[in-house]
Amino acid sequence: CSATLLTGLLMKRPIEEVVSTTNAIGAYVASQTGATPALPQSLVTWDAQPMGQRPASPQPKVPQQVPLKRVPVPAPAPPQPTQPDLPPLETMLVKDLKEELKDRGLPVSGVKAELVERLK
């Protein structure tokens, strides 16, 4: 049945004809004994022409290839500077927090909680 279906589709036969022929062959095979019974000539033809003797269908036209255009790809953005690995801010001393704030160009005044918040 699968071979009949595939053959009919490859031969570009109308789908109704393919399904009908596939069903007829499937019903015949199911009614016979053995794994691969010989098919009667009436099931081996499409439009009264044996399947292997049908004229070849016209080859489809291959679309003309269009040359590809090269498109410049922008360079990737430079990596952003990463912050140095710091210990948890809450565990740092006030003098170290102020030094980190100074390195980042941020104000260094305030209590520890304010310094920690400013660095987050």
PDB file of N, CA and C in Angstrom:
ATOM      1  N   CYS A   1       0.826  -1.196   0.000  1.00  0.00           N
ATOM      2  CA  CYS A   1       0.000   0.000   0.000  1.00  0.00           C
ATOM      3  C   CYS A   1       0.864   1.250   0.000  1.00  0.00           C
ATOM      4  N   SER A   2       1.919   1.243   0.820  1.00  0.00           N
ATOM      5  CA  SER A   2       2.788   2.423   0.878  1.00  0.00           C
ATOM      6  C   SER A   2       3.460   2.668  -0.457  1.00  0.00           C
ATOM      7  N   ALA A   3       3.896   1.579  -1.107  1.00  0.00           N
ATOM      8  CA  ALA A   3       4.553   1.719  -2.408  1.00  0.00           C
ATOM      9  C   ALA A   3       3.583   2.291  -3.437  1.00  0.00           C
ATOM     10  N   THR A   4       2.342   1.851  -3.406  1.00  0.00           N
ATOM     11  CA  THR A   4       1.342   2.361  -4.351  1.00  0.00           C
ATOM     12  C   THR A   4       1.093   3.843  -4.107  1.00  0.00           C
ATOM     13  N   LEU A   5       0.955   4.203  -2.851  1.00  0.00           N
ATOM     14  CA  LEU A   5       0.722   5.602  -2.501  1.00  0.00           C
ATOM     15  C   LEU A   5       1.885   6.467  -2.960  1.00  0.00           C
ATOM     16  N   LEU A   6       3.092   6.045  -2.648  1.00  0.00           N
ATOM     17  CA  LEU A   6       4.274   6.811  -3.008  1.00  0.00           C
ATOM     18  C   LEU A   6       4.428   6.907  -4.524  1.00  0.00           C
ATOM     19  N   THR A   7       4.223   5.780  -5.224  1.00  0.00           N
ATOM     20  CA  THR A   7       4.340   5.779  -6.680  1.00  0.00           C
ATOM     21  C   THR A   7       3.337   6.734  -7.313  1.00  0.00           C
ATOM     22  N   GLY A   8       2.098   6.663  -6.864  1.00  0.00           N
ATOM     23  CA  GLY A   8       1.079   7.552  -7.420  1.00  0.00           C
ATOM     24  C   GLY A   8       1.398   9.015  -7.189  1.00  0.00           C
ATOM     25  N   LEU A   9       1.894   9.329  -6.000  1.00  0.00           N
ATOM     26  CA  LEU A   9       2.236  10.728  -5.703  1.00  0.00           C
ATOM     27  C   LEU A   9       3.432  11.188  -6.520  1.00  0.00           C
ATOM     28  N   LEU A  10       4.432  10.312  -6.666  1.00  0.00           N
ATOM     29  CA  LEU A  10       5.606  10.681  -7.464  1.00  0.00           C
ATOM     30  C   LEU A  10       5.260  10.849  -8.945  1.00  0.00           C
ATOM     31  N   MET A  11       4.260  10.106  -9.391  1.00  0.00           N
ATOM     32  CA  MET A  11       3.827  10.226 -10.785  1.00  0.00           C
ATOM     33  C   MET A  11       2.876  11.408 -10.975  1.00  0.00           C
ATOM     34  N   LYS A  12       2.620  12.117  -9.886  1.00  0.00           N
ATOM     35  CA  LYS A  12       1.747  13.298  -9.906  1.00  0.00           C
ATOM     36  C   LYS A  12       0.337  12.945 -10.391  1.00  0.00           C
ATOM     37  N   ARG A  13      -0.140  11.796  -9.955  1.00  0.00           N
ATOM     38  CA  ARG A  13      -1.503  11.371 -10.270  1.00  0.00           C
ATOM     39  C   ARG A  13      -2.459  12.134  -9.358  1.00  0.00           C
ATOM     40  N   PRO A  14      -3.702  12.326  -9.757  1.00  0.00           N
ATOM     41  CA  PRO A  14      -4.675  12.999  -8.890  1.00  0.00           C
ATOM     42  C   PRO A  14      -4.824  12.221  -7.567  1.00  0.00           C
ATOM     43  N   ILE A  15      -4.922  12.926  -6.485  1.00  0.00           N
ATOM     44  CA  ILE A  15      -4.942  12.296  -5.160  1.00  0.00           C
ATOM     45  C   ILE A  15      -6.101  11.313  -5.019  1.00  0.00           C
ATOM     46  N   GLU A  16      -7.256  11.616  -5.611  1.00  0.00           N
ATOM     47  CA  GLU A  16      -8.391  10.703  -5.521  1.00  0.00           C
ATOM     48  C   GLU A  16      -8.055   9.366  -6.175  1.00  0.00           C
ATOM     49  N   GLU A  17      -7.385   9.423  -7.330  1.00  0.00           N
ATOM     50  CA  GLU A  17      -6.980   8.210  -8.037  1.00  0.00           C
ATOM     51  C   GLU A  17      -5.954   7.434  -7.227  1.00  0.00           C
ATOM     52  N   VAL A  18      -5.010   8.129  -6.639  1.00  0.00           N
ATOM     53  CA  VAL A  18      -3.972   7.469  -5.831  1.00  0.00           C
ATOM     54  C   VAL A  18      -4.607   6.759  -4.643  1.00  0.00           C
ATOM     55  N   VAL A  19      -5.492   7.445  -3.938  1.00  0.00           N
ATOM     56  CA  VAL A  19      -6.136   6.846  -2.761  1.00  0.00           C
ATOM     57  C   VAL A  19      -6.988   5.656  -3.161  1.00  0.00           C
ATOM     58  N   SER A  20      -7.740   5.779  -4.246  1.00  0.00           N
ATOM     59  CA  SER A  20      -8.597   4.691  -4.700  1.00  0.00           C
ATOM     60  C   SER A  20      -7.764   3.460  -5.068  1.00  0.00           C
ATOM     61  N   THR A  21      -6.702   3.657  -5.830  1.00  0.00           N
ATOM     62  CA  THR A  21      -5.844   2.538  -6.234  1.00  0.00           C
ATOM     63  C   THR A  21      -5.154   1.922  -5.026  1.00  0.00           C
ATOM     64  N   THR A  22      -4.666   2.769  -4.117  1.00  0.00           N
ATOM     65  CA  THR A  22      -4.015   2.271  -2.906  1.00  0.00           C
ATOM     66  C   THR A  22      -4.988   1.427  -2.086  1.00  0.00           C
ATOM     67  N   ASN A  23      -6.209   1.890  -1.926  1.00  0.00           N
ATOM     68  CA  ASN A  23      -7.213   1.129  -1.174  1.00  0.00           C
ATOM     69  C   ASN A  23      -7.531  -0.195  -1.857  1.00  0.00           C
ATOM     70  N   ALA A  24      -7.641  -0.186  -3.189  1.00  0.00           N
ATOM     71  CA  ALA A  24      -7.949  -1.415  -3.921  1.00  0.00           C
ATOM     72  C   ALA A  24      -6.839  -2.441  -3.750  1.00  0.00           C
ATOM     73  N   ILE A  25      -5.585  -2.000  -3.851  1.00  0.00           N
ATOM     74  CA  ILE A  25      -4.458  -2.927  -3.676  1.00  0.00           C
ATOM     75  C   ILE A  25      -4.408  -3.417  -2.240  1.00  0.00           C
ATOM     76  N   GLY A  26      -4.627  -2.532  -1.286  1.00  0.00           N
ATOM     77  CA  GLY A  26      -4.630  -2.938   0.126  1.00  0.00           C
ATOM     78  C   GLY A  26      -5.702  -3.968   0.415  1.00  0.00           C
ATOM     79  N   ALA A  27      -6.902  -3.758  -0.138  1.00  0.00           N
ATOM     80  CA  ALA A  27      -7.995  -4.713   0.074  1.00  0.00           C
ATOM     81  C   ALA A  27      -7.671  -6.058  -0.562  1.00  0.00           C
ATOM     82  N   TYR A  28      -7.078  -6.038  -1.751  1.00  0.00           N
ATOM     83  CA  TYR A  28      -6.717  -7.291  -2.420  1.00  0.00           C
ATOM     84  C   TYR A  28      -5.673  -8.048  -1.611  1.00  0.00           C
ATOM     85  N   VAL A  29      -4.604  -7.363  -1.211  1.00  0.00           N
ATOM     86  CA  VAL A  29      -3.530  -8.010  -0.454  1.00  0.00           C
ATOM     87  C   VAL A  29      -4.064  -8.576   0.851  1.00  0.00           C
ATOM     88  N   ALA A  30      -4.952  -7.844   1.530  1.00  0.00           N
ATOM     89  CA  ALA A  30      -5.498  -8.316   2.803  1.00  0.00           C
ATOM     90  C   ALA A  30      -6.387  -9.549   2.620  1.00  0.00           C
ATOM     91  N   SER A  31      -6.947  -9.726   1.422  1.00  0.00           N
ATOM     92  CA  SER A  31      -7.841 -10.870   1.188  1.00  0.00           C
ATOM     93  C   SER A  31      -7.090 -12.124   0.758  1.00  0.00           C
ATOM     94  N   GLN A  32      -5.786 -12.001   0.516  1.00  0.00           N
ATOM     95  CA  GLN A  32      -4.996 -13.125   0.022  1.00  0.00           C
ATOM     96  C   GLN A  32      -4.150 -13.730   1.139  1.00  0.00           C
ATOM     97  N   THR A  33      -3.703 -14.972   0.903  1.00  0.00           N
ATOM     98  CA  THR A  33      -2.794 -15.612   1.862  1.00  0.00           C
ATOM     99  C   THR A  33      -1.367 -15.283   1.456  1.00  0.00           C
ATOM    100  N   GLY A  34      -0.481 -15.351   2.400  1.00  0.00           N
ATOM    101  CA  GLY A  34       0.927 -15.077   2.130  1.00  0.00           C
ATOM    102  C   GLY A  34       1.243 -13.605   2.311  1.00  0.00           C
ATOM    103  N   ALA A  35       2.538 -13.333   2.416  1.00  0.00           N
ATOM    104  CA  ALA A  35       2.974 -11.975   2.711  1.00  0.00           C
ATOM    105  C   ALA A  35       2.931 -11.065   1.491  1.00  0.00           C
ATOM    106  N   THR A  36       3.259 -11.598   0.327  1.00  0.00           N
ATOM    107  CA  THR A  36       3.303 -10.767  -0.882  1.00  0.00           C
ATOM    108  C   THR A  36       2.640 -11.499  -2.047  1.00  0.00           C
ATOM    109  N   PRO A  37       1.328 -11.477  -2.115  1.00  0.00           N
ATOM    110  CA  PRO A  37       0.656 -12.154  -3.224  1.00  0.00           C
ATOM    111  C   PRO A  37       0.892 -11.394  -4.529  1.00  0.00           C
ATOM    112  N   ALA A  38       0.880 -12.147  -5.635  1.00  0.00           N
ATOM    113  CA  ALA A  38       1.012 -11.521  -6.954  1.00  0.00           C
ATOM    114  C   ALA A  38      -0.248 -10.694  -7.226  1.00  0.00           C
ATOM    115  N   LEU A  39      -0.049  -9.521  -7.752  1.00  0.00           N
ATOM    116  CA  LEU A  39      -1.191  -8.643  -8.036  1.00  0.00           C
ATOM    117  C   LEU A  39      -1.740  -8.923  -9.424  1.00  0.00           C
ATOM    118  N   PRO A  40      -3.060  -8.888  -9.567  1.00  0.00           N
ATOM    119  CA  PRO A  40      -3.626  -9.043 -10.907  1.00  0.00           C
ATOM    120  C   PRO A  40      -3.290  -7.811 -11.760  1.00  0.00           C
ATOM    121  N   GLN A  41      -3.217  -8.012 -13.079  1.00  0.00           N
ATOM    122  CA  GLN A  41      -2.844  -6.928 -13.989  1.00  0.00           C
ATOM    123  C   GLN A  41      -3.765  -5.721 -13.848  1.00  0.00           C
ATOM    124  N   SER A  42      -5.008  -5.939 -13.507  1.00  0.00           N
ATOM    125  CA  SER A  42      -5.948  -4.825 -13.384  1.00  0.00           C
ATOM    126  C   SER A  42      -5.572  -3.862 -12.257  1.00  0.00           C
ATOM    127  N   LEU A  43      -4.811  -4.346 -11.253  1.00  0.00           N
ATOM    128  CA  LEU A  43      -4.380  -3.477 -10.152  1.00  0.00           C
ATOM    129  C   LEU A  43      -2.989  -2.887 -10.381  1.00  0.00           C
ATOM    130  N   VAL A  44      -2.323  -3.304 -11.451  1.00  0.00           N
ATOM    131  CA  VAL A  44      -0.952  -2.852 -11.683  1.00  0.00           C
ATOM    132  C   VAL A  44      -0.921  -1.759 -12.747  1.00  0.00           C
ATOM    133  N   THR A  45      -2.030  -1.186 -13.084  1.00  0.00           N
ATOM    134  CA  THR A  45      -2.053  -0.171 -14.135  1.00  0.00           C
ATOM    135  C   THR A  45      -2.644   1.136 -13.624  1.00  0.00           C
ATOM    136  N   TRP A  46      -2.255   2.201 -14.276  1.00  0.00           N
ATOM    137  CA  TRP A  46      -2.838   3.521 -14.069  1.00  0.00           C
ATOM    138  C   TRP A  46      -3.384   3.930 -15.429  1.00  0.00           C
ATOM    139  N   ASP A  47      -4.631   4.247 -15.538  1.00  0.00           N
ATOM    140  CA  ASP A  47      -5.249   4.673 -16.812  1.00  0.00           C
ATOM    141  C   ASP A  47      -4.965   3.677 -17.941  1.00  0.00           C
ATOM    142  N   ALA A  48      -5.104   2.405 -17.683  1.00  0.00           N
ATOM    143  CA  ALA A  48      -4.942   1.336 -18.673  1.00  0.00           C
ATOM    144  C   ALA A  48      -3.520   1.246 -19.218  1.00  0.00           C
ATOM    145  N   GLN A  49      -2.558   1.928 -18.627  1.00  0.00           N
ATOM    146  CA  GLN A  49      -1.159   1.781 -19.012  1.00  0.00           C
ATOM    147  C   GLN A  49      -0.417   1.191 -17.830  1.00  0.00           C
ATOM    148  N   PRO A  50       0.393   0.150 -18.051  1.00  0.00           N
ATOM    149  CA  PRO A  50       1.163  -0.397 -16.934  1.00  0.00           C
ATOM    150  C   PRO A  50       1.995   0.703 -16.291  1.00  0.00           C
ATOM    151  N   MET A  51       2.097   0.633 -14.976  1.00  0.00           N
ATOM    152  CA  MET A  51       2.765   1.708 -14.241  1.00  0.00           C
ATOM    153  C   MET A  51       4.185   1.932 -14.724  1.00  0.00           C
ATOM    154  N   GLY A  52       4.921   0.886 -15.032  1.00  0.00           N
ATOM    155  CA  GLY A  52       6.308   1.051 -15.454  1.00  0.00           C
ATOM    156  C   GLY A  52       6.455   1.561 -16.870  1.00  0.00           C
ATOM    157  N   GLN A  53       5.350   1.601 -17.651  1.00  0.00           N
ATOM    158  CA  GLN A  53       5.441   1.991 -19.048  1.00  0.00           C
ATOM    159  C   GLN A  53       4.802   3.345 -19.335  1.00  0.00           C
ATOM    160  N   ARG A  54       4.404   4.059 -18.339  1.00  0.00           N
ATOM    161  CA  ARG A  54       3.805   5.379 -18.554  1.00  0.00           C
ATOM    162  C   ARG A  54       4.873   6.321 -19.076  1.00  0.00           C
ATOM    163  N   PRO A  55       4.482   7.235 -19.946  1.00  0.00           N
ATOM    164  CA  PRO A  55       5.466   8.225 -20.377  1.00  0.00           C
ATOM    165  C   PRO A  55       5.901   9.073 -19.182  1.00  0.00           C
ATOM    166  N   ALA A  56       7.139   9.426 -19.211  1.00  0.00           N
ATOM    167  CA  ALA A  56       7.669  10.221 -18.098  1.00  0.00           C
ATOM    168  C   ALA A  56       6.952  11.563 -18.049  1.00  0.00           C
ATOM    169  N   SER A  57       6.631  11.990 -16.856  1.00  0.00           N
ATOM    170  CA  SER A  57       5.994  13.292 -16.715  1.00  0.00           C
ATOM    171  C   SER A  57       7.034  14.369 -16.975  1.00  0.00           C
ATOM    172  N   PRO A  58       6.608  15.504 -17.504  1.00  0.00           N
ATOM    173  CA  PRO A  58       7.583  16.561 -17.794  1.00  0.00           C
ATOM    174  C   PRO A  58       8.302  16.998 -16.522  1.00  0.00           C
ATOM    175  N   GLN A  59       9.575  17.257 -16.686  1.00  0.00           N
ATOM    176  CA  GLN A  59      10.370  17.696 -15.545  1.00  0.00           C
ATOM    177  C   GLN A  59      10.007  19.142 -15.205  1.00  0.00           C
ATOM    178  N   PRO A  60       9.856  19.424 -13.926  1.00  0.00           N
ATOM    179  CA  PRO A  60       9.554  20.813 -13.559  1.00  0.00           C
ATOM    180  C   PRO A  60      10.744  21.716 -13.865  1.00  0.00           C
ATOM    181  N   LYS A  61      10.434  22.937 -14.211  1.00  0.00           N
ATOM    182  CA  LYS A  61      11.500  23.894 -14.475  1.00  0.00           C
ATOM    183  C   LYS A  61      12.175  24.267 -13.168  1.00  0.00           C
ATOM    184  N   VAL A  62      13.478  24.269 -13.220  1.00  0.00           N
ATOM    185  CA  VAL A  62      14.251  24.650 -12.038  1.00  0.00           C
ATOM    186  C   VAL A  62      14.385  26.162 -12.053  1.00  0.00           C
ATOM    187  N   PRO A  63      14.011  26.821 -10.961  1.00  0.00           N
ATOM    188  CA  PRO A  63      14.133  28.273 -10.950  1.00  0.00           C
ATOM    189  C   PRO A  63      15.587  28.704 -11.114  1.00  0.00           C
ATOM    190  N   GLN A  64      15.753  29.798 -11.818  1.00  0.00           N
ATOM    191  CA  GLN A  64      17.096  30.316 -12.029  1.00  0.00           C
ATOM    192  C   GLN A  64      17.670  30.787 -10.698  1.00  0.00           C
ATOM    193  N   GLN A  65      18.920  30.428 -10.482  1.00  0.00           N
ATOM    194  CA  GLN A  65      19.540  30.816  -9.212  1.00  0.00           C
ATOM    195  C   GLN A  65      19.893  32.292  -9.245  1.00  0.00           C
ATOM    196  N   VAL A  66      19.612  32.940  -8.156  1.00  0.00           N
ATOM    197  CA  VAL A  66      19.908  34.357  -8.016  1.00  0.00           C
ATOM    198  C   VAL A  66      21.213  34.473  -7.231  1.00  0.00           C
ATOM    199  N   PRO A  67      22.162  35.246  -7.740  1.00  0.00           N
ATOM    200  CA  PRO A  67      23.414  35.368  -6.986  1.00  0.00           C
ATOM    201  C   PRO A  67      23.164  36.018  -5.621  1.00  0.00           C
ATOM    202  N   LEU A  68      23.897  35.541  -4.649  1.00  0.00           N
ATOM    203  CA  LEU A  68      23.761  36.066  -3.291  1.00  0.00           C
ATOM    204  C   LEU A  68      24.541  37.365  -3.160  1.00  0.00           C
ATOM    205  N   LYS A  69      23.980  38.291  -2.412  1.00  0.00           N
ATOM    206  CA  LYS A  69      24.655  39.554  -2.134  1.00  0.00           C
ATOM    207  C   LYS A  69      25.345  39.451  -0.790  1.00  0.00           C
ATOM    208  N   ARG A  70      26.553  39.906  -0.748  1.00  0.00           N
ATOM    209  CA  ARG A  70      27.262  39.933   0.532  1.00  0.00           C
ATOM    210  C   ARG A  70      26.818  41.166   1.305  1.00  0.00           C
ATOM    211  N   VAL A  71      26.410  40.936   2.526  1.00  0.00           N
ATOM    212  CA  VAL A  71      25.959  42.019   3.385  1.00  0.00           C
ATOM    213  C   VAL A  71      26.974  42.142   4.519  1.00  0.00           C
ATOM    214  N   PRO A  72      27.522  43.342   4.705  1.00  0.00           N
ATOM    215  CA  PRO A  72      28.500  43.488   5.781  1.00  0.00           C
ATOM    216  C   PRO A  72      27.849  43.250   7.143  1.00  0.00           C
ATOM    217  N   VAL A  73      28.566  42.552   7.966  1.00  0.00           N
ATOM    218  CA  VAL A  73      28.089  42.270   9.318  1.00  0.00           C
ATOM    219  C   VAL A  73      28.844  43.191  10.270  1.00  0.00           C
ATOM    220  N   PRO A  74      28.101  43.960  11.076  1.00  0.00           N
ATOM    221  CA  PRO A  74      28.797  44.872  11.989  1.00  0.00           C
ATOM    222  C   PRO A  74      29.634  44.093  13.001  1.00  0.00           C
ATOM    223  N   ALA A  75      30.728  44.722  13.389  1.00  0.00           N
ATOM    224  CA  ALA A  75      31.599  44.097  14.387  1.00  0.00           C
ATOM    225  C   ALA A  75      30.863  44.040  15.723  1.00  0.00           C
ATOM    226  N   PRO A  76      31.125  43.005  16.492  1.00  0.00           N
ATOM    227  CA  PRO A  76      30.457  42.923  17.797  1.00  0.00           C
ATOM    228  C   PRO A  76      30.897  44.073  18.700  1.00  0.00           C
ATOM    229  N   ALA A  77      30.001  44.476  19.564  1.00  0.00           N
ATOM    230  CA  ALA A  77      30.301  45.559  20.504  1.00  0.00           C
ATOM    231  C   ALA A  77      31.417  45.102  21.442  1.00  0.00           C
ATOM    232  N   PRO A  78      32.289  46.032  21.815  1.00  0.00           N
ATOM    233  CA  PRO A  78      33.360  45.643  22.736  1.00  0.00           C
ATOM    234  C   PRO A  78      32.757  45.205  24.070  1.00  0.00           C
ATOM    235  N   PRO A  79      33.389  44.268  24.713  1.00  0.00           N
ATOM    236  CA  PRO A  79      32.834  43.798  25.988  1.00  0.00           C
ATOM    237  C   PRO A  79      32.820  44.924  27.025  1.00  0.00           C
ATOM    238  N   GLN A  80      31.764  44.931  27.813  1.00  0.00           N
ATOM    239  CA  GLN A  80      31.637  45.921  28.877  1.00  0.00           C
ATOM    240  C   GLN A  80      32.585  45.542  30.017  1.00  0.00           C
ATOM    241  N   PRO A  81      33.197  46.540  30.615  1.00  0.00           N
ATOM    242  CA  PRO A  81      34.078  46.214  31.737  1.00  0.00           C
ATOM    243  C   PRO A  81      33.258  45.560  32.856  1.00  0.00           C
ATOM    244  N   THR A  82      33.814  44.558  33.421  1.00  0.00           N
ATOM    245  CA  THR A  82      33.115  43.859  34.502  1.00  0.00           C
ATOM    246  C   THR A  82      33.573  44.397  35.846  1.00  0.00           C
ATOM    247  N   GLN A  83      32.679  44.303  36.781  1.00  0.00           N
ATOM    248  CA  GLN A  83      33.020  44.735  38.138  1.00  0.00           C
ATOM    249  C   GLN A  83      33.913  43.669  38.759  1.00  0.00           C
ATOM    250  N   PRO A  84      34.898  44.108  39.497  1.00  0.00           N
ATOM    251  CA  PRO A  84      35.758  43.115  40.148  1.00  0.00           C
ATOM    252  C   PRO A  84      34.930  42.275  41.116  1.00  0.00           C
ATOM    253  N   ASP A  85      35.361  41.074  41.308  1.00  0.00           N
ATOM    254  CA  ASP A  85      34.667  40.210  42.258  1.00  0.00           C
ATOM    255  C   ASP A  85      34.887  40.765  43.659  1.00  0.00           C
ATOM    256  N   LEU A  86      33.779  41.168  44.264  1.00  0.00           N
ATOM    257  CA  LEU A  86      33.830  41.721  45.614  1.00  0.00           C
ATOM    258  C   LEU A  86      33.188  40.733  46.576  1.00  0.00           C
ATOM    259  N   PRO A  87      33.650  40.746  47.799  1.00  0.00           N
ATOM    260  CA  PRO A  87      32.946  39.943  48.793  1.00  0.00           C
ATOM    261  C   PRO A  87      31.568  40.563  49.018  1.00  0.00           C
ATOM    262  N   PRO A  88      30.661  39.869  49.677  1.00  0.00           N
ATOM    263  CA  PRO A  88      29.357  40.478  49.959  1.00  0.00           C
ATOM    264  C   PRO A  88      29.561  41.853  50.588  1.00  0.00           C
ATOM    265  N   LEU A  89      28.859  42.852  50.029  1.00  0.00           N
ATOM    266  CA  LEU A  89      29.056  44.239  50.457  1.00  0.00           C
ATOM    267  C   LEU A  89      28.846  44.426  51.957  1.00  0.00           C
ATOM    268  N   GLU A  90      27.875  43.709  52.511  1.00  0.00           N
ATOM    269  CA  GLU A  90      27.572  43.874  53.934  1.00  0.00           C
ATOM    270  C   GLU A  90      28.733  43.424  54.828  1.00  0.00           C
ATOM    271  N   THR A  91      29.613  42.586  54.297  1.00  0.00           N
ATOM    272  CA  THR A  91      30.739  42.085  55.116  1.00  0.00           C
ATOM    273  C   THR A  91      31.974  42.960  54.977  1.00  0.00           C
ATOM    274  N   MET A  92      31.967  43.919  54.059  1.00  0.00           N
ATOM    275  CA  MET A  92      33.145  44.766  53.849  1.00  0.00           C
ATOM    276  C   MET A  92      33.221  45.856  54.917  1.00  0.00           C
ATOM    277  N   LEU A  93      34.428  46.304  55.196  1.00  0.00           N
ATOM    278  CA  LEU A  93      34.640  47.405  56.127  1.00  0.00           C
ATOM    279  C   LEU A  93      34.284  48.718  55.446  1.00  0.00           C
ATOM    280  N   VAL A  94      33.921  49.733  56.260  1.00  0.00           N
ATOM    281  CA  VAL A  94      33.529  51.038  55.728  1.00  0.00           C
ATOM    282  C   VAL A  94      34.649  51.624  54.885  1.00  0.00           C
ATOM    283  N   LYS A  95      35.907  51.495  55.346  1.00  0.00           N
ATOM    284  CA  LYS A  95      37.024  52.068  54.579  1.00  0.00           C
ATOM    285  C   LYS A  95      37.141  51.410  53.197  1.00  0.00           C
ATOM    286  N   ASP A  96      36.849  50.076  53.101  1.00  0.00           N
ATOM    287  CA  ASP A  96      36.910  49.376  51.815  1.00  0.00           C
ATOM    288  C   ASP A  96      35.722  49.773  50.927  1.00  0.00           C
ATOM    289  N   LEU A  97      34.551  49.977  51.543  1.00  0.00           N
ATOM    290  CA  LEU A  97      33.392  50.426  50.785  1.00  0.00           C
ATOM    291  C   LEU A  97      33.650  51.802  50.185  1.00  0.00           C
ATOM    292  N   LYS A  98      34.237  52.705  50.985  1.00  0.00           N
ATOM    293  CA  LYS A  98      34.532  54.057  50.506  1.00  0.00           C
ATOM    294  C   LYS A  98      35.569  54.020  49.390  1.00  0.00           C
ATOM    295  N   GLU A  99      36.533  53.129  49.491  1.00  0.00           N
ATOM    296  CA  GLU A  99      37.563  53.014  48.448  1.00  0.00           C
ATOM    297  C   GLU A  99      36.924  52.544  47.134  1.00  0.00           C
ATOM    298  N   GLU A 100      35.999  51.578  47.221  1.00  0.00           N
ATOM    299  CA  GLU A 100      35.302  51.076  46.034  1.00  0.00           C
ATOM    300  C   GLU A 100      34.437  52.177  45.437  1.00  0.00           C
ATOM    301  N   LEU A 101      33.747  52.953  46.282  1.00  0.00           N
ATOM    302  CA  LEU A 101      32.935  54.063  45.795  1.00  0.00           C
ATOM    303  C   LEU A 101      33.804  55.095  45.091  1.00  0.00           C
ATOM    304  N   LYS A 102      34.956  55.392  45.670  1.00  0.00           N
ATOM    305  CA  LYS A 102      35.875  56.369  45.086  1.00  0.00           C
ATOM    306  C   LYS A 102      36.345  55.873  43.714  1.00  0.00           C
ATOM    307  N   ASP A 103      36.669  54.550  43.604  1.00  0.00           N
ATOM    308  CA  ASP A 103      37.105  53.977  42.324  1.00  0.00           C
ATOM    309  C   ASP A 103      36.020  54.105  41.254  1.00  0.00           C
ATOM    310  N   ARG A 104      34.762  54.067  41.675  1.00  0.00           N
ATOM    311  CA  ARG A 104      33.651  54.159  40.729  1.00  0.00           C
ATOM    312  C   ARG A 104      33.201  55.603  40.503  1.00  0.00           C
ATOM    313  N   GLY A 105      33.836  56.534  41.169  1.00  0.00           N
ATOM    314  CA  GLY A 105      33.471  57.939  41.003  1.00  0.00           C
ATOM    315  C   GLY A 105      32.169  58.310  41.682  1.00  0.00           C
ATOM    316  N   LEU A 106      31.815  57.607  42.754  1.00  0.00           N
ATOM    317  CA  LEU A 106      30.576  57.863  43.481  1.00  0.00           C
ATOM    318  C   LEU A 106      30.885  58.569  44.791  1.00  0.00           C
ATOM    319  N   PRO A 107      29.890  59.276  45.362  1.00  0.00           N
ATOM    320  CA  PRO A 107      30.108  59.941  46.649  1.00  0.00           C
ATOM    321  C   PRO A 107      30.466  58.922  47.733  1.00  0.00           C
ATOM    322  N   VAL A 108      31.341  59.334  48.668  1.00  0.00           N
ATOM    323  CA  VAL A 108      31.808  58.414  49.706  1.00  0.00           C
ATOM    324  C   VAL A 108      31.270  58.764  51.087  1.00  0.00           C
ATOM    325  N   SER A 109      30.351  59.725  51.162  1.00  0.00           N
ATOM    326  CA  SER A 109      29.828  60.117  52.475  1.00  0.00           C
ATOM    327  C   SER A 109      28.619  59.275  52.826  1.00  0.00           C
ATOM    328  N   GLY A 110      28.365  59.128  54.133  1.00  0.00           N
ATOM    329  CA  GLY A 110      27.187  58.422  54.612  1.00  0.00           C
ATOM    330  C   GLY A 110      27.556  57.269  55.517  1.00  0.00           C
ATOM    331  N   VAL A 111      26.515  56.630  56.066  1.00  0.00           N
ATOM    332  CA  VAL A 111      26.729  55.493  56.959  1.00  0.00           C
ATOM    333  C   VAL A 111      26.881  54.240  56.109  1.00  0.00           C
ATOM    334  N   LYS A 112      27.313  53.158  56.733  1.00  0.00           N
ATOM    335  CA  LYS A 112      27.615  51.930  56.014  1.00  0.00           C
ATOM    336  C   LYS A 112      26.444  51.462  55.143  1.00  0.00           C
ATOM    337  N   ALA A 113      25.235  51.496  55.668  1.00  0.00           N
ATOM    338  CA  ALA A 113      24.060  51.032  54.915  1.00  0.00           C
ATOM    339  C   ALA A 113      23.889  51.839  53.620  1.00  0.00           C
ATOM    340  N   GLU A 114      24.147  53.165  53.690  1.00  0.00           N
ATOM    341  CA  GLU A 114      24.042  54.006  52.502  1.00  0.00           C
ATOM    342  C   GLU A 114      25.146  53.672  51.486  1.00  0.00           C
ATOM    343  N   LEU A 115      26.358  53.413  51.998  1.00  0.00           N
ATOM    344  CA  LEU A 115      27.461  53.063  51.105  1.00  0.00           C
ATOM    345  C   LEU A 115      27.176  51.746  50.375  1.00  0.00           C
ATOM    346  N   VAL A 116      26.664  50.781  51.129  1.00  0.00           N
ATOM    347  CA  VAL A 116      26.333  49.478  50.539  1.00  0.00           C
ATOM    348  C   VAL A 116      25.264  49.652  49.464  1.00  0.00           C
ATOM    349  N   GLU A 117      24.226  50.423  49.764  1.00  0.00           N
ATOM    350  CA  GLU A 117      23.137  50.647  48.806  1.00  0.00           C
ATOM    351  C   GLU A 117      23.648  51.325  47.556  1.00  0.00           C
ATOM    352  N   ARG A 118      24.567  52.267  47.696  1.00  0.00           N
ATOM    353  CA  ARG A 118      25.112  53.003  46.562  1.00  0.00           C
ATOM    354  C   ARG A 118      25.919  52.069  45.653  1.00  0.00           C
ATOM    355  N   LEU A 119      26.564  51.055  46.227  1.00  0.00           N
ATOM    356  CA  LEU A 119      27.373  50.134  45.436  1.00  0.00           C
ATOM    357  C   LEU A 119      26.532  49.052  44.732  1.00  0.00           C
ATOM    358  N   LYS A 120      25.314  48.879  45.142  1.00  0.00           N
ATOM    359  CA  LYS A 120      24.475  47.831  44.519  1.00  0.00           C
ATOM    360  C   LYS A 120      24.016  48.258  43.163  1.00  0.00           C
TER     361      LYS A 120
END
